Amino acid sequence: MQQDPVEMLADLIEGKGGKQYGLHDLNQRAHALQAALLAEQGGCDAALITAALLHDIGHMVHDLGENPAAEGIDDRHEALGHDFLVRFFGPEVTEPVRLHVAAKRYLCAVEPGYFGRLSQDSVLSLRLQGGPMSAEEAAAFAAGPHAAAAVQLRRFDEAAKVKDLPTSNARHFAPYMRACLRAG
């Protein structure tokens, strides 16, 4: 019998989410749960809450170690996460996940002061991810159908780095994930 996708994703976050989150004093699980909590508290729809919870799932499904950026490797976790999630969710969840790194590059290009608010590990990974977008890249990104959701997700991502912040577990967010599952 095939495992329920929502249970499998919750197990993945609760299990492999114990990996360190970059240079921060929290792990992948805490980061994911904080991002989803911020989306939930912000009154976002089920798709953006689910995307916030799962935005870094790519870090949990690769085998490049806990901090590949420190080794000079872009793990392309946004693409890995997208590819992992498309079997379960439609683009309203998977596209913000795929675009959340591009959203960081976009915000660094168009929002004065954004780069200065990045954490040390976000600055390191930004270099590996292509740096701030050019004006042409930023315009093309902004014109995309999921750009606004990706930018909002990015803001949750940046804010979800609070040491020892109490959160629910991944199963708290199961109703949101279920609401977004692909039919069949």
Protein backbone atom coordinates (compact mmCIF):
# COMPACT_ATOMS: atom_id res chain seq x y z
CA MET A 1 0.00 0.00 0.00
CA GLN A 2 1.35 3.42 -1.01
CA GLN A 3 1.86 5.91 1.83
CA ASP A 4 -0.42 8.92 1.97
CA PRO A 5 1.53 11.84 0.41
CA VAL A 6 0.64 14.25 3.22
CA GLU A 7 1.84 11.78 5.84
CA MET A 8 5.01 11.10 3.82
CA LEU A 9 5.77 14.84 3.55
CA ALA A 10 5.10 15.40 7.25
CA ASP A 11 7.38 12.44 8.08
CA LEU A 12 10.08 13.86 5.81
CA ILE A 13 9.95 17.25 7.54
CA GLU A 14 9.84 15.73 11.00
CA GLY A 15 12.65 13.26 10.19
CA LYS A 16 15.13 14.74 7.72
CA GLY A 17 14.21 18.24 8.84
CA GLY A 18 16.58 17.74 11.75
CA LYS A 19 19.47 18.79 9.49
CA GLN A 20 21.09 22.11 10.30
CA TYR A 21 19.68 25.05 8.33
CA GLY A 22 22.75 26.67 6.80
CA LEU A 23 24.63 28.82 9.29
CA HIS A 24 21.61 29.40 11.52
CA ASP A 25 20.94 28.20 15.04
CA LEU A 26 17.93 26.21 13.86
CA ASN A 27 17.25 23.19 11.72
CA GLN A 28 15.37 22.67 8.46
CA ARG A 29 12.23 21.55 10.34
CA ALA A 30 12.08 24.69 12.49
CA HIS A 31 12.65 26.86 9.40
CA ALA A 32 9.89 25.12 7.43
CA LEU A 33 7.43 25.27 10.32
CA GLN A 34 8.19 28.94 10.97
CA ALA A 35 7.68 29.84 7.30
CA ALA A 36 4.34 28.01 7.22
CA LEU A 37 3.30 29.61 10.51
CA LEU A 38 4.04 33.07 9.10
CA ALA A 39 1.95 32.29 6.02
CA GLU A 40 -0.88 30.97 8.18
CA GLN A 41 -0.76 33.98 10.51
CA GLY A 42 -0.71 36.23 7.44
CA GLY A 43 -4.05 34.79 6.29
CA CYS A 44 -2.60 33.25 3.15
CA ASP A 45 -4.45 30.60 1.17
CA ALA A 46 -3.77 26.88 1.52
CA ALA A 47 -1.45 26.86 -1.50
CA LEU A 48 0.91 29.51 -0.14
CA ILE A 49 0.89 27.97 3.35
CA THR A 50 1.76 24.61 1.78
CA ALA A 51 4.47 26.18 -0.39
CA ALA A 52 5.91 27.92 2.68
CA LEU A 53 6.03 24.64 4.57
CA LEU A 54 7.64 22.77 1.67
CA HIS A 55 9.77 25.48 0.04
CA ASP A 56 13.07 23.92 1.14
CA ILE A 57 12.08 20.26 0.74
CA GLY A 58 14.82 20.05 -1.90
CA HIS A 59 17.38 20.33 0.90
CA MET A 60 15.83 17.25 2.49
CA VAL A 61 15.84 15.07 -0.63
CA HIS A 62 19.39 15.61 -1.88
CA ASP A 63 22.51 13.89 -0.61
CA LEU A 64 24.94 16.80 -0.79
CA GLY A 65 25.37 17.21 2.95
CA GLU A 66 24.00 19.80 5.35
CA ASN A 67 25.60 22.95 3.88
CA PRO A 68 26.70 22.49 0.26
CA ALA A 69 26.93 26.29 -0.23
CA ALA A 70 29.89 26.33 2.17
CA GLU A 71 31.58 23.92 -0.28
CA GLY A 72 30.83 26.28 -3.19
CA ILE A 73 27.97 24.10 -4.47
CA ASP A 74 24.56 25.42 -5.49
CA ASP A 75 22.35 22.49 -4.55
CA ARG A 76 19.53 23.84 -6.75
CA HIS A 77 17.16 22.89 -3.95
CA GLU A 78 14.38 24.96 -5.50
CA ALA A 79 14.44 22.82 -8.67
CA LEU A 80 14.82 19.58 -6.69
CA GLY A 81 11.92 20.58 -4.46
CA HIS A 82 9.74 21.51 -7.42
CA ASP A 83 10.51 18.24 -9.21
CA PHE A 84 9.80 16.26 -6.03
CA LEU A 85 6.48 18.03 -5.36
CA VAL A 86 4.90 18.11 -8.84
CA ARG A 87 3.59 14.57 -8.45
CA PHE A 88 1.47 15.74 -5.51
CA PHE A 89 0.61 19.40 -6.13
CA GLY A 90 -0.26 21.78 -8.93
CA PRO A 91 1.57 24.97 -9.90
CA GLU A 92 -0.10 27.07 -7.20
CA VAL A 93 2.18 25.20 -4.73
CA THR A 94 5.11 24.07 -6.88
CA GLU A 95 5.82 27.28 -8.77
CA PRO A 96 6.43 29.46 -5.69
CA VAL A 97 8.75 26.69 -4.44
CA ARG A 98 10.59 26.67 -7.78
CA LEU A 99 10.78 30.47 -7.87
CA HIS A 100 11.68 31.32 -4.28
CA VAL A 101 15.41 31.56 -5.08
CA ALA A 102 14.66 33.71 -8.13
CA ALA A 103 12.52 35.87 -5.84
CA LYS A 104 15.56 36.49 -3.62
CA ARG A 105 17.58 37.52 -6.67
CA TYR A 106 14.67 39.72 -7.80
CA LEU A 107 14.26 41.44 -4.43
CA CYS A 108 18.00 42.11 -4.25
CA ALA A 109 17.72 43.86 -7.61
CA VAL A 110 14.57 45.93 -7.08
CA GLU A 111 14.16 46.60 -3.36
CA PRO A 112 16.65 49.00 -1.80
CA GLY A 113 18.01 47.60 1.42
CA TYR A 114 16.87 44.01 0.82
CA PHE A 115 20.39 42.69 0.25
CA GLY A 116 21.52 44.25 3.52
CA ARG A 117 18.89 42.27 5.43
CA LEU A 118 20.02 38.89 4.08
CA SER A 119 21.60 36.47 6.51
CA GLN A 120 25.22 35.47 6.01
CA ASP A 121 24.29 32.13 4.45
CA SER A 122 21.73 33.79 2.12
CA VAL A 123 24.48 36.11 0.87
CA LEU A 124 26.76 33.11 0.30
CA SER A 125 24.09 31.15 -1.58
CA LEU A 126 23.06 34.26 -3.57
CA ARG A 127 26.52 34.36 -5.13
CA LEU A 128 26.16 30.71 -6.19
CA GLN A 129 22.62 31.32 -7.49
CA GLY A 130 23.59 34.08 -9.91
CA GLY A 131 23.52 37.22 -7.76
CA PRO A 132 20.94 39.99 -8.06
CA MET A 133 18.93 39.95 -11.29
CA SER A 134 19.62 42.34 -14.11
CA ALA A 135 16.88 44.84 -14.95
CA GLU A 136 15.78 42.61 -17.84
CA GLU A 137 15.68 39.50 -15.67
CA ALA A 138 13.73 41.36 -12.98
CA ALA A 139 11.15 42.57 -15.48
CA ALA A 140 10.71 39.06 -16.90
CA PHE A 141 10.40 37.58 -13.41
CA ALA A 142 7.82 40.16 -12.29
CA ALA A 143 5.70 39.43 -15.37
CA GLY A 144 5.42 35.74 -14.48
CA PRO A 145 2.13 34.31 -13.21
CA HIS A 146 3.55 33.13 -9.86
CA ALA A 147 5.96 35.99 -9.14
CA ALA A 148 3.85 37.63 -6.42
CA ALA A 149 3.41 34.35 -4.54
CA ALA A 150 7.13 33.60 -4.86
CA VAL A 151 8.03 37.04 -3.47
CA GLN A 152 5.66 36.57 -0.54
CA LEU A 153 7.12 33.12 0.08
CA ARG A 154 10.61 34.65 -0.01
CA ARG A 155 9.63 37.13 2.68
CA PHE A 156 8.39 34.29 4.88
CA ASP A 157 11.62 32.40 4.12
CA GLU A 158 13.77 35.31 5.28
CA ALA A 159 11.73 35.86 8.44
CA ALA A 160 11.62 32.16 9.39
CA LYS A 161 14.99 32.08 11.13
CA VAL A 162 14.13 32.69 14.78
CA LYS A 163 15.96 30.48 17.26
CA ASP A 164 13.65 28.57 19.64
CA LEU A 165 10.40 30.01 18.26
CA PRO A 166 7.56 27.68 19.34
CA THR A 167 5.65 26.17 16.41
CA SER A 168 3.25 23.31 15.77
CA ASN A 169 4.52 20.15 14.11
CA ALA A 170 4.22 19.45 10.38
CA ARG A 171 0.91 17.61 10.82
CA HIS A 172 -0.71 20.85 11.96
CA PHE A 173 -0.41 21.95 8.32
CA ALA A 174 -1.84 18.69 6.90
CA PRO A 175 -5.29 20.20 6.16
CA TYR A 176 -3.64 22.85 3.97
CA MET A 177 -1.59 20.25 2.13
CA ARG A 178 -4.67 18.03 1.65
CA ALA A 179 -6.63 20.95 0.21
CA CYS A 180 -3.92 21.34 -2.45
CA LEU A 181 -3.31 17.72 -3.44
CA ARG A 182 -3.76 16.89 -7.09
CA ALA A 183 -6.82 14.75 -7.77
CA GLY A 184 -5.95 11.09 -8.28
